[in-house]
């Protein structure tokens, strides 16, 4: 793995990627993955629930591919492996896990 780069010495595009990958401040919170799923994942799933299965699955596939790319780039930028600061993969996993629930309920 590369040497960690100080986050103050990053290009604008690297900062942007880290900001998107961390979903703003969520990637820096304790239990960032759990917080992200609760704060972002559940409401997004609620909004996506009425979609047809094909649209939902297609969107989740694109989201998963974006997650892999963002995580790979973010890990290189941060000099870490599977950085806890990048939380897109947590959302991707959540969207896959709930993909075929019959209907959305808060319970």
PDB file of N, CA and C in Angstrom:
ATOM      1  N   UNK A   1       0.851  -1.172   0.000  1.00  0.00           N
ATOM      2  CA  UNK A   1       0.000   0.000   0.000  1.00  0.00           C
ATOM      3  C   UNK A   1       0.897   1.234   0.000  1.00  0.00           C
ATOM      4  N   UNK A   2       0.410   2.279  -0.597  1.00  0.00           N
ATOM      5  CA  UNK A   2       1.171   3.516  -0.669  1.00  0.00           C
ATOM      6  C   UNK A   2       1.286   4.163   0.705  1.00  0.00           C
ATOM      7  N   UNK A   3       2.277   5.039   0.820  1.00  0.00           N
ATOM      8  CA  UNK A   3       2.423   5.819   2.049  1.00  0.00           C
ATOM      9  C   UNK A   3       1.227   6.752   2.188  1.00  0.00           C
ATOM     10  N   UNK A   4       0.704   6.919   3.398  1.00  0.00           N
ATOM     11  CA  UNK A   4      -0.423   7.832   3.583  1.00  0.00           C
ATOM     12  C   UNK A   4      -0.068   9.246   3.153  1.00  0.00           C
ATOM     13  N   UNK A   5      -0.967   9.871   2.438  1.00  0.00           N
ATOM     14  CA  UNK A   5      -0.778  11.251   2.032  1.00  0.00           C
ATOM     15  C   UNK A   5      -1.530  12.141   3.000  1.00  0.00           C
ATOM     16  N   UNK A   6      -0.900  13.198   3.470  1.00  0.00           N
ATOM     17  CA  UNK A   6      -1.637  14.106   4.347  1.00  0.00           C
ATOM     18  C   UNK A   6      -2.861  14.649   3.611  1.00  0.00           C
ATOM     19  N   UNK A   7      -4.003  14.609   4.264  1.00  0.00           N
ATOM     20  CA  UNK A   7      -5.232  15.045   3.613  1.00  0.00           C
ATOM     21  C   UNK A   7      -5.247  16.538   3.318  1.00  0.00           C
ATOM     22  N   UNK A   8      -4.297  17.263   3.842  1.00  0.00           N
ATOM     23  CA  UNK A   8      -4.214  18.691   3.539  1.00  0.00           C
ATOM     24  C   UNK A   8      -3.471  18.946   2.236  1.00  0.00           C
ATOM     25  N   UNK A   9      -2.775  17.947   1.711  1.00  0.00           N
ATOM     26  CA  UNK A   9      -1.974  18.082   0.494  1.00  0.00           C
ATOM     27  C   UNK A   9      -2.645  17.468  -0.719  1.00  0.00           C
ATOM     28  N   UNK A  10      -3.947  17.394  -0.763  1.00  0.00           N
ATOM     29  CA  UNK A  10      -4.649  16.697  -1.824  1.00  0.00           C
ATOM     30  C   UNK A  10      -5.107  17.642  -2.916  1.00  0.00           C
ATOM     31  N   UNK A  11      -5.243  17.078  -4.117  1.00  0.00           N
ATOM     32  CA  UNK A  11      -5.794  17.848  -5.224  1.00  0.00           C
ATOM     33  C   UNK A  11      -7.288  18.052  -4.988  1.00  0.00           C
ATOM     34  N   UNK A  12      -7.862  18.954  -5.733  1.00  0.00           N
ATOM     35  CA  UNK A  12      -9.292  19.219  -5.605  1.00  0.00           C
ATOM     36  C   UNK A  12     -10.111  17.991  -5.958  1.00  0.00           C
ATOM     37  N   UNK A  13      -9.704  17.257  -6.998  1.00  0.00           N
ATOM     38  CA  UNK A  13     -10.461  16.061  -7.379  1.00  0.00           C
ATOM     39  C   UNK A  13     -10.345  14.975  -6.310  1.00  0.00           C
ATOM     40  N   UNK A  14      -9.174  14.843  -5.674  1.00  0.00           N
ATOM     41  CA  UNK A  14      -9.014  13.858  -4.602  1.00  0.00           C
ATOM     42  C   UNK A  14      -9.871  14.230  -3.400  1.00  0.00           C
ATOM     43  N   UNK A  15      -9.900  15.509  -3.069  1.00  0.00           N
ATOM     44  CA  UNK A  15     -10.753  15.958  -1.965  1.00  0.00           C
ATOM     45  C   UNK A  15     -12.222  15.703  -2.277  1.00  0.00           C
ATOM     46  N   UNK A  16     -12.612  15.962  -3.513  1.00  0.00           N
ATOM     47  CA  UNK A  16     -13.993  15.722  -3.930  1.00  0.00           C
ATOM     48  C   UNK A  16     -14.366  14.254  -3.838  1.00  0.00           C
ATOM     49  N   UNK A  17     -13.460  13.393  -4.298  1.00  0.00           N
ATOM     50  CA  UNK A  17     -13.722  11.964  -4.216  1.00  0.00           C
ATOM     51  C   UNK A  17     -13.863  11.514  -2.772  1.00  0.00           C
ATOM     52  N   UNK A  18     -13.007  11.995  -1.888  1.00  0.00           N
ATOM     53  CA  UNK A  18     -13.092  11.629  -0.475  1.00  0.00           C
ATOM     54  C   UNK A  18     -14.372  12.175   0.163  1.00  0.00           C
ATOM     55  N   UNK A  19     -14.777  13.370  -0.234  1.00  0.00           N
ATOM     56  CA  UNK A  19     -16.005  13.956   0.297  1.00  0.00           C
ATOM     57  C   UNK A  19     -17.225  13.135  -0.119  1.00  0.00           C
ATOM     58  N   UNK A  20     -17.262  12.744  -1.383  1.00  0.00           N
ATOM     59  CA  UNK A  20     -18.371  11.921  -1.874  1.00  0.00           C
ATOM     60  C   UNK A  20     -18.309  10.528  -1.257  1.00  0.00           C
ATOM     61  N   UNK A  21     -17.120   9.924  -1.229  1.00  0.00           N
ATOM     62  CA  UNK A  21     -16.965   8.574  -0.688  1.00  0.00           C
ATOM     63  C   UNK A  21     -17.288   8.490   0.789  1.00  0.00           C
ATOM     64  N   UNK A  22     -17.035   9.554   1.517  1.00  0.00           N
ATOM     65  CA  UNK A  22     -17.329   9.585   2.950  1.00  0.00           C
ATOM     66  C   UNK A  22     -18.742  10.086   3.225  1.00  0.00           C
ATOM     67  N   UNK A  23     -19.441  10.481   2.172  1.00  0.00           N
ATOM     68  CA  UNK A  23     -20.766  11.098   2.315  1.00  0.00           C
ATOM     69  C   UNK A  23     -20.704  12.246   3.316  1.00  0.00           C
ATOM     70  N   UNK A  24     -19.799  13.155   3.008  1.00  0.00           N
ATOM     71  CA  UNK A  24     -19.622  14.327   3.865  1.00  0.00           C
ATOM     72  C   UNK A  24     -19.026  13.931   5.203  1.00  0.00           C
ATOM     73  N   UNK A  25     -19.646  14.338   6.289  1.00  0.00           N
ATOM     74  CA  UNK A  25     -19.085  14.061   7.611  1.00  0.00           C
ATOM     75  C   UNK A  25     -19.354  12.641   8.117  1.00  0.00           C
ATOM     76  N   UNK A  26     -20.205  11.883   7.436  1.00  0.00           N
ATOM     77  CA  UNK A  26     -20.591  10.566   7.950  1.00  0.00           C
ATOM     78  C   UNK A  26     -19.415   9.599   8.049  1.00  0.00           C
ATOM     79  N   UNK A  27     -18.470   9.693   7.131  1.00  0.00           N
ATOM     80  CA  UNK A  27     -17.320   8.796   7.151  1.00  0.00           C
ATOM     81  C   UNK A  27     -16.377   9.024   8.315  1.00  0.00           C
ATOM     82  N   UNK A  28     -16.513  10.130   8.986  1.00  0.00           N
ATOM     83  CA  UNK A  28     -15.626  10.435  10.121  1.00  0.00           C
ATOM     84  C   UNK A  28     -16.283  10.166  11.474  1.00  0.00           C
ATOM     85  N   UNK A  29     -17.497   9.709  11.459  1.00  0.00           N
ATOM     86  CA  UNK A  29     -18.219   9.466  12.718  1.00  0.00           C
ATOM     87  C   UNK A  29     -17.847   8.096  13.286  1.00  0.00           C
ATOM     88  N   UNK A  30     -17.944   7.941  14.602  1.00  0.00           N
ATOM     89  CA  UNK A  30     -17.789   6.601  15.175  1.00  0.00           C
ATOM     90  C   UNK A  30     -18.894   5.701  14.612  1.00  0.00           C
ATOM     91  N   UNK A  31     -18.575   4.458  14.363  1.00  0.00           N
ATOM     92  CA  UNK A  31     -19.525   3.508  13.761  1.00  0.00           C
ATOM     93  C   UNK A  31     -20.075   4.079  12.461  1.00  0.00           C
ATOM     94  N   UNK A  32     -19.181   4.609  11.624  1.00  0.00           N
ATOM     95  CA  UNK A  32     -19.585   5.335  10.418  1.00  0.00           C
ATOM     96  C   UNK A  32     -20.463   4.510   9.486  1.00  0.00           C
ATOM     97  N   UNK A  33     -20.193   3.214   9.355  1.00  0.00           N
ATOM     98  CA  UNK A  33     -21.006   2.377   8.473  1.00  0.00           C
ATOM     99  C   UNK A  33     -22.434   2.251   8.965  1.00  0.00           C
ATOM    100  N   UNK A  34     -22.604   2.020  10.244  1.00  0.00           N
ATOM    101  CA  UNK A  34     -23.936   1.887  10.828  1.00  0.00           C
ATOM    102  C   UNK A  34     -24.696   3.203  10.746  1.00  0.00           C
ATOM    103  N   UNK A  35     -24.016   4.284  11.055  1.00  0.00           N
ATOM    104  CA  UNK A  35     -24.643   5.606  10.985  1.00  0.00           C
ATOM    105  C   UNK A  35     -25.070   5.901   9.549  1.00  0.00           C
ATOM    106  N   UNK A  36     -24.222   5.597   8.596  1.00  0.00           N
ATOM    107  CA  UNK A  36     -24.523   5.867   7.197  1.00  0.00           C
ATOM    108  C   UNK A  36     -25.752   5.097   6.729  1.00  0.00           C
ATOM    109  N   UNK A  37     -25.823   3.825   7.080  1.00  0.00           N
ATOM    110  CA  UNK A  37     -26.986   3.029   6.681  1.00  0.00           C
ATOM    111  C   UNK A  37     -28.252   3.597   7.305  1.00  0.00           C
ATOM    112  N   UNK A  38     -28.183   4.000   8.569  1.00  0.00           N
ATOM    113  CA  UNK A  38     -29.360   4.549   9.230  1.00  0.00           C
ATOM    114  C   UNK A  38     -29.768   5.911   8.710  1.00  0.00           C
ATOM    115  N   UNK A  39     -28.802   6.781   8.491  1.00  0.00           N
ATOM    116  CA  UNK A  39     -29.096   8.161   8.096  1.00  0.00           C
ATOM    117  C   UNK A  39     -29.368   8.297   6.605  1.00  0.00           C
ATOM    118  N   UNK A  40     -28.652   7.531   5.781  1.00  0.00           N
ATOM    119  CA  UNK A  40     -28.775   7.663   4.326  1.00  0.00           C
ATOM    120  C   UNK A  40     -29.444   6.438   3.701  1.00  0.00           C
ATOM    121  N   UNK A  41     -29.028   5.246   4.103  1.00  0.00           N
ATOM    122  CA  UNK A  41     -29.504   4.026   3.459  1.00  0.00           C
ATOM    123  C   UNK A  41     -30.992   3.780   3.611  1.00  0.00           C
ATOM    124  N   UNK A  42     -31.500   3.873   4.826  1.00  0.00           N
ATOM    125  CA  UNK A  42     -32.923   3.597   5.060  1.00  0.00           C
ATOM    126  C   UNK A  42     -33.807   4.608   4.324  1.00  0.00           C
ATOM    127  N   UNK A  43     -33.553   5.923   4.425  1.00  0.00           N
ATOM    128  CA  UNK A  43     -34.381   6.857   3.660  1.00  0.00           C
ATOM    129  C   UNK A  43     -34.279   6.654   2.137  1.00  0.00           C
ATOM    130  N   UNK A  44     -33.070   6.350   1.630  1.00  0.00           N
ATOM    131  CA  UNK A  44     -32.943   6.105   0.189  1.00  0.00           C
ATOM    132  C   UNK A  44     -33.714   4.864  -0.223  1.00  0.00           C
ATOM    133  N   UNK A  45     -33.633   3.810   0.584  1.00  0.00           N
ATOM    134  CA  UNK A  45     -34.391   2.600   0.275  1.00  0.00           C
ATOM    135  C   UNK A  45     -35.890   2.890   0.282  1.00  0.00           C
ATOM    136  N   UNK A  46     -36.332   3.711   1.201  1.00  0.00           N
ATOM    137  CA  UNK A  46     -37.744   4.099   1.246  1.00  0.00           C
ATOM    138  C   UNK A  46     -38.155   4.772  -0.067  1.00  0.00           C
ATOM    139  N   UNK A  47     -37.298   5.665  -0.573  1.00  0.00           N
ATOM    140  CA  UNK A  47     -37.600   6.361  -1.824  1.00  0.00           C
ATOM    141  C   UNK A  47     -37.504   5.434  -3.034  1.00  0.00           C
ATOM    142  N   UNK A  48     -36.618   4.440  -2.969  1.00  0.00           N
ATOM    143  CA  UNK A  48     -36.407   3.522  -4.093  1.00  0.00           C
ATOM    144  C   UNK A  48     -37.398   2.359  -4.081  1.00  0.00           C
ATOM    145  N   UNK A  49     -38.077   2.126  -2.967  1.00  0.00           N
ATOM    146  CA  UNK A  49     -38.948   0.968  -2.820  1.00  0.00           C
ATOM    147  C   UNK A  49     -40.050   0.857  -3.875  1.00  0.00           C
ATOM    148  N   UNK A  50     -40.662   1.961  -4.319  1.00  0.00           N
ATOM    149  CA  UNK A  50     -41.707   1.826  -5.343  1.00  0.00           C
ATOM    150  C   UNK A  50     -41.174   1.494  -6.744  1.00  0.00           C
ATOM    151  N   UNK A  51     -39.879   1.565  -6.958  1.00  0.00           N
ATOM    152  CA  UNK A  51     -39.314   1.309  -8.281  1.00  0.00           C
ATOM    153  C   UNK A  51     -39.554  -0.134  -8.694  1.00  0.00           C
ATOM    154  N   UNK A  52     -39.576  -0.362  -9.996  1.00  0.00           N
ATOM    155  CA  UNK A  52     -39.680  -1.732 -10.492  1.00  0.00           C
ATOM    156  C   UNK A  52     -38.404  -2.498 -10.125  1.00  0.00           C
ATOM    157  N   UNK A  53     -38.510  -3.810 -10.112  1.00  0.00           N
ATOM    158  CA  UNK A  53     -37.360  -4.649  -9.743  1.00  0.00           C
ATOM    159  C   UNK A  53     -36.202  -4.399 -10.697  1.00  0.00           C
ATOM    160  N   UNK A  54     -36.458  -4.294 -11.985  1.00  0.00           N
ATOM    161  CA  UNK A  54     -35.365  -4.115 -12.945  1.00  0.00           C
ATOM    162  C   UNK A  54     -34.653  -2.775 -12.759  1.00  0.00           C
ATOM    163  N   UNK A  55     -35.404  -1.711 -12.471  1.00  0.00           N
ATOM    164  CA  UNK A  55     -34.782  -0.403 -12.246  1.00  0.00           C
ATOM    165  C   UNK A  55     -33.981  -0.431 -10.947  1.00  0.00           C
ATOM    166  N   UNK A  56     -34.550  -1.024  -9.903  1.00  0.00           N
ATOM    167  CA  UNK A  56     -33.852  -1.107  -8.622  1.00  0.00           C
ATOM    168  C   UNK A  56     -32.556  -1.911  -8.770  1.00  0.00           C
ATOM    169  N   UNK A  57     -32.630  -3.086  -9.377  1.00  0.00           N
ATOM    170  CA  UNK A  57     -31.441  -3.937  -9.524  1.00  0.00           C
ATOM    171  C   UNK A  57     -30.393  -3.239 -10.376  1.00  0.00           C
ATOM    172  N   UNK A  58     -30.808  -2.612 -11.466  1.00  0.00           N
ATOM    173  CA  UNK A  58     -29.856  -1.876 -12.305  1.00  0.00           C
ATOM    174  C   UNK A  58     -29.174  -0.752 -11.550  1.00  0.00           C
ATOM    175  N   UNK A  59     -29.947  -0.022 -10.774  1.00  0.00           N
ATOM    176  CA  UNK A  59     -29.391   1.069  -9.974  1.00  0.00           C
ATOM    177  C   UNK A  59     -28.410   0.537  -8.932  1.00  0.00           C
ATOM    178  N   UNK A  60     -28.770  -0.562  -8.273  1.00  0.00           N
ATOM    179  CA  UNK A  60     -27.894  -1.142  -7.250  1.00  0.00           C
ATOM    180  C   UNK A  60     -26.601  -1.665  -7.878  1.00  0.00           C
ATOM    181  N   UNK A  61     -26.680  -2.254  -9.058  1.00  0.00           N
ATOM    182  CA  UNK A  61     -25.465  -2.716  -9.741  1.00  0.00           C
ATOM    183  C   UNK A  61     -24.548  -1.543 -10.047  1.00  0.00           C
ATOM    184  N   UNK A  62     -25.094  -0.468 -10.582  1.00  0.00           N
ATOM    185  CA  UNK A  62     -24.291   0.731 -10.871  1.00  0.00           C
ATOM    186  C   UNK A  62     -23.716   1.296  -9.575  1.00  0.00           C
ATOM    187  N   UNK A  63     -24.524   1.332  -8.526  1.00  0.00           N
ATOM    188  CA  UNK A  63     -24.067   1.842  -7.233  1.00  0.00           C
ATOM    189  C   UNK A  63     -22.923   0.982  -6.695  1.00  0.00           C
ATOM    190  N   UNK A  64     -23.046  -0.343  -6.823  1.00  0.00           N
ATOM    191  CA  UNK A  64     -21.980  -1.246  -6.354  1.00  0.00           C
ATOM    192  C   UNK A  64     -20.684  -1.037  -7.140  1.00  0.00           C
ATOM    193  N   UNK A  65     -20.798  -0.902  -8.450  1.00  0.00           N
ATOM    194  CA  UNK A  65     -19.599  -0.653  -9.266  1.00  0.00           C
ATOM    195  C   UNK A  65     -18.959   0.682  -8.897  1.00  0.00           C
ATOM    196  N   UNK A  66     -19.782   1.706  -8.690  1.00  0.00           N
ATOM    197  CA  UNK A  66     -19.251   3.005  -8.259  1.00  0.00           C
ATOM    198  C   UNK A  66     -18.588   2.880  -6.894  1.00  0.00           C
ATOM    199  N   UNK A  67     -19.169   2.087  -6.029  1.00  0.00           N
ATOM    200  CA  UNK A  67     -18.614   1.878  -4.692  1.00  0.00           C
ATOM    201  C   UNK A  67     -17.225   1.247  -4.761  1.00  0.00           C
ATOM    202  N   UNK A  68     -17.069   0.251  -5.612  1.00  0.00           N
ATOM    203  CA  UNK A  68     -15.760  -0.407  -5.766  1.00  0.00           C
ATOM    204  C   UNK A  68     -14.733   0.599  -6.268  1.00  0.00           C
ATOM    205  N   UNK A  69     -15.107   1.401  -7.265  1.00  0.00           N
ATOM    206  CA  UNK A  69     -14.170   2.372  -7.828  1.00  0.00           C
ATOM    207  C   UNK A  69     -13.821   3.448  -6.799  1.00  0.00           C
ATOM    208  N   UNK A  70     -14.828   3.980  -6.132  1.00  0.00           N
ATOM    209  CA  UNK A  70     -14.584   5.029  -5.128  1.00  0.00           C
ATOM    210  C   UNK A  70     -13.707   4.496  -4.008  1.00  0.00           C
ATOM    211  N   UNK A  71     -13.972   3.283  -3.555  1.00  0.00           N
ATOM    212  CA  UNK A  71     -13.173   2.707  -2.475  1.00  0.00           C
ATOM    213  C   UNK A  71     -11.731   2.471  -2.921  1.00  0.00           C
ATOM    214  N   UNK A  72     -11.547   1.953  -4.117  1.00  0.00           N
ATOM    215  CA  UNK A  72     -10.187   1.704  -4.609  1.00  0.00           C
ATOM    216  C   UNK A  72      -9.400   3.001  -4.705  1.00  0.00           C
ATOM    217  N   UNK A  73      -9.999   4.033  -5.283  1.00  0.00           N
ATOM    218  CA  UNK A  73      -9.328   5.330  -5.404  1.00  0.00           C
ATOM    219  C   UNK A  73      -9.112   5.966  -4.034  1.00  0.00           C
ATOM    220  N   UNK A  74     -10.112   5.901  -3.173  1.00  0.00           N
ATOM    221  CA  UNK A  74      -9.992   6.493  -1.845  1.00  0.00           C
ATOM    222  C   UNK A  74      -8.912   5.833  -1.015  1.00  0.00           C
ATOM    223  N   UNK A  75      -8.804   4.512  -1.124  1.00  0.00           N
ATOM    224  CA  UNK A  75      -7.757   3.803  -0.383  1.00  0.00           C
ATOM    225  C   UNK A  75      -6.368   4.221  -0.851  1.00  0.00           C
ATOM    226  N   UNK A  76      -6.207   4.419  -2.153  1.00  0.00           N
ATOM    227  CA  UNK A  76      -4.907   4.877  -2.669  1.00  0.00           C
ATOM    228  C   UNK A  76      -4.619   6.292  -2.167  1.00  0.00           C
ATOM    229  N   UNK A  77      -5.604   7.155  -2.227  1.00  0.00           N
ATOM    230  CA  UNK A  77      -5.414   8.544  -1.779  1.00  0.00           C
ATOM    231  C   UNK A  77      -5.058   8.589  -0.298  1.00  0.00           C
ATOM    232  N   UNK A  78      -5.768   7.795   0.499  1.00  0.00           N
ATOM    233  CA  UNK A  78      -5.554   7.809   1.948  1.00  0.00           C
ATOM    234  C   UNK A  78      -4.381   6.941   2.383  1.00  0.00           C
ATOM    235  N   UNK A  79      -3.909   6.060   1.499  1.00  0.00           N
ATOM    236  CA  UNK A  79      -2.826   5.151   1.864  1.00  0.00           C
ATOM    237  C   UNK A  79      -3.283   4.104   2.858  1.00  0.00           C
ATOM    238  N   UNK A  80      -4.541   3.732   2.787  1.00  0.00           N
ATOM    239  CA  UNK A  80      -5.116   2.750   3.697  1.00  0.00           C
ATOM    240  C   UNK A  80      -5.737   1.612   2.884  1.00  0.00           C
ATOM    241  N   UNK A  81      -5.979   0.509   3.558  1.00  0.00           N
ATOM    242  CA  UNK A  81      -6.687  -0.598   2.927  1.00  0.00           C
ATOM    243  C   UNK A  81      -8.058  -0.690   3.592  1.00  0.00           C
ATOM    244  N   UNK A  82      -9.115  -0.675   2.784  1.00  0.00           N
ATOM    245  CA  UNK A  82     -10.494  -0.707   3.270  1.00  0.00           C
ATOM    246  C   UNK A  82     -10.731   0.373   4.327  1.00  0.00           C
ATOM    247  N   UNK A  83     -10.442   1.601   3.938  1.00  0.00           N
ATOM    248  CA  UNK A  83     -10.568   2.730   4.859  1.00  0.00           C
ATOM    249  C   UNK A  83     -11.975   2.840   5.425  1.00  0.00           C
ATOM    250  N   UNK A  84     -12.059   3.057   6.721  1.00  0.00           N
ATOM    251  CA  UNK A  84     -13.353   3.235   7.376  1.00  0.00           C
ATOM    252  C   UNK A  84     -13.970   4.590   7.038  1.00  0.00           C
ATOM    253  N   UNK A  85     -13.182   5.468   6.444  1.00  0.00           N
ATOM    254  CA  UNK A  85     -13.690   6.794   6.093  1.00  0.00           C
ATOM    255  C   UNK A  85     -14.579   6.762   4.852  1.00  0.00           C
ATOM    256  N   UNK A  86     -14.391   5.766   4.001  1.00  0.00           N
ATOM    257  CA  UNK A  86     -15.185   5.632   2.779  1.00  0.00           C
ATOM    258  C   UNK A  86     -16.359   4.704   3.092  1.00  0.00           C
ATOM    259  N   UNK A  87     -17.586   5.211   2.980  1.00  0.00           N
ATOM    260  CA  UNK A  87     -18.739   4.449   3.448  1.00  0.00           C
ATOM    261  C   UNK A  87     -19.716   4.031   2.347  1.00  0.00           C
ATOM    262  N   UNK A  88     -19.370   4.278   1.095  1.00  0.00           N
ATOM    263  CA  UNK A  88     -20.255   3.864   0.004  1.00  0.00           C
ATOM    264  C   UNK A  88     -20.480   2.361   0.005  1.00  0.00           C
ATOM    265  N   UNK A  89     -19.477   1.597   0.365  1.00  0.00           N
ATOM    266  CA  UNK A  89     -19.631   0.139   0.349  1.00  0.00           C
ATOM    267  C   UNK A  89     -20.662  -0.324   1.369  1.00  0.00           C
ATOM    268  N   UNK A  90     -20.810   0.414   2.452  1.00  0.00           N
ATOM    269  CA  UNK A  90     -21.826   0.068   3.443  1.00  0.00           C
ATOM    270  C   UNK A  90     -23.227   0.222   2.848  1.00  0.00           C
ATOM    271  N   UNK A  91     -23.419   1.289   2.093  1.00  0.00           N
ATOM    272  CA  UNK A  91     -24.711   1.483   1.438  1.00  0.00           C
ATOM    273  C   UNK A  91     -24.954   0.427   0.370  1.00  0.00           C
ATOM    274  N   UNK A  92     -23.927   0.120  -0.406  1.00  0.00           N
ATOM    275  CA  UNK A  92     -24.076  -0.903  -1.447  1.00  0.00           C
ATOM    276  C   UNK A  92     -24.495  -2.236  -0.830  1.00  0.00           C
ATOM    277  N   UNK A  93     -23.848  -2.627   0.248  1.00  0.00           N
ATOM    278  CA  UNK A  93     -24.201  -3.862   0.931  1.00  0.00           C
ATOM    279  C   UNK A  93     -25.621  -3.833   1.470  1.00  0.00           C
ATOM    280  N   UNK A  94     -26.025  -2.707   2.021  1.00  0.00           N
ATOM    281  CA  UNK A  94     -27.389  -2.563   2.536  1.00  0.00           C
ATOM    282  C   UNK A  94     -28.400  -2.703   1.410  1.00  0.00           C
ATOM    283  N   UNK A  95     -28.154  -2.031   0.266  1.00  0.00           N
ATOM    284  CA  UNK A  95     -29.097  -2.091  -0.854  1.00  0.00           C
ATOM    285  C   UNK A  95     -29.221  -3.508  -1.413  1.00  0.00           C
ATOM    286  N   UNK A  96     -28.119  -4.254  -1.410  1.00  0.00           N
ATOM    287  CA  UNK A  96     -28.176  -5.654  -1.845  1.00  0.00           C
ATOM    288  C   UNK A  96     -28.963  -6.481  -0.828  1.00  0.00           C
ATOM    289  N   UNK A  97     -28.712  -6.250   0.453  1.00  0.00           N
ATOM    290  CA  UNK A  97     -29.368  -7.041   1.506  1.00  0.00           C
ATOM    291  C   UNK A  97     -30.884  -6.858   1.519  1.00  0.00           C
ATOM    292  N   UNK A  98     -31.360  -5.669   1.189  1.00  0.00           N
ATOM    293  CA  UNK A  98     -32.804  -5.405   1.253  1.00  0.00           C
ATOM    294  C   UNK A  98     -33.468  -5.454  -0.122  1.00  0.00           C
ATOM    295  N   UNK A  99     -32.746  -5.894  -1.126  1.00  0.00           N
ATOM    296  CA  UNK A  99     -33.221  -5.832  -2.507  1.00  0.00           C
ATOM    297  C   UNK A  99     -34.579  -6.481  -2.725  1.00  0.00           C
ATOM    298  N   UNK A 100     -34.825  -7.599  -2.113  1.00  0.00           N
ATOM    299  CA  UNK A 100     -36.060  -8.317  -2.424  1.00  0.00           C
ATOM    300  C   UNK A 100     -37.004  -8.420  -1.233  1.00  0.00           C
ATOM    301  N   UNK A 101     -36.927  -7.448  -0.350  1.00  0.00           N
ATOM    302  CA  UNK A 101     -37.937  -7.376   0.709  1.00  0.00           C
ATOM    303  C   UNK A 101     -39.285  -7.096   0.054  1.00  0.00           C
ATOM    304  N   UNK A 102     -40.355  -7.691   0.562  1.00  0.00           N
ATOM    305  CA  UNK A 102     -41.635  -7.540  -0.118  1.00  0.00           C
ATOM    306  C   UNK A 102     -42.170  -6.103  -0.137  1.00  0.00           C
ATOM    307  N   UNK A 103     -42.031  -5.376   0.952  1.00  0.00           N
ATOM    308  CA  UNK A 103     -42.504  -3.989   0.990  1.00  0.00           C
ATOM    309  C   UNK A 103     -41.758  -3.278   2.104  1.00  0.00           C
ATOM    310  N   UNK A 104     -41.597  -1.983   1.950  1.00  0.00           N
ATOM    311  CA  UNK A 104     -40.886  -1.221   2.958  1.00  0.00           C
ATOM    312  C   UNK A 104     -41.800  -0.974   4.152  1.00  0.00           C
ATOM    313  N   UNK A 105     -41.301  -1.274   5.336  1.00  0.00           N
ATOM    314  CA  UNK A 105     -41.958  -0.884   6.582  1.00  0.00           C
ATOM    315  C   UNK A 105     -40.864  -0.405   7.529  1.00  0.00           C
ATOM    316  N   UNK A 106     -41.181   0.487   8.416  1.00  0.00           N
ATOM    317  CA  UNK A 106     -40.188   0.989   9.362  1.00  0.00           C
ATOM    318  C   UNK A 106     -39.779  -0.076  10.378  1.00  0.00           C
ATOM    319  N   UNK A 107     -40.601  -1.098  10.575  1.00  0.00           N
ATOM    320  CA  UNK A 107     -40.248  -2.174  11.508  1.00  0.00           C
ATOM    321  C   UNK A 107     -39.162  -3.015  10.912  1.00  0.00           C
TER     322      UNK A 107
END
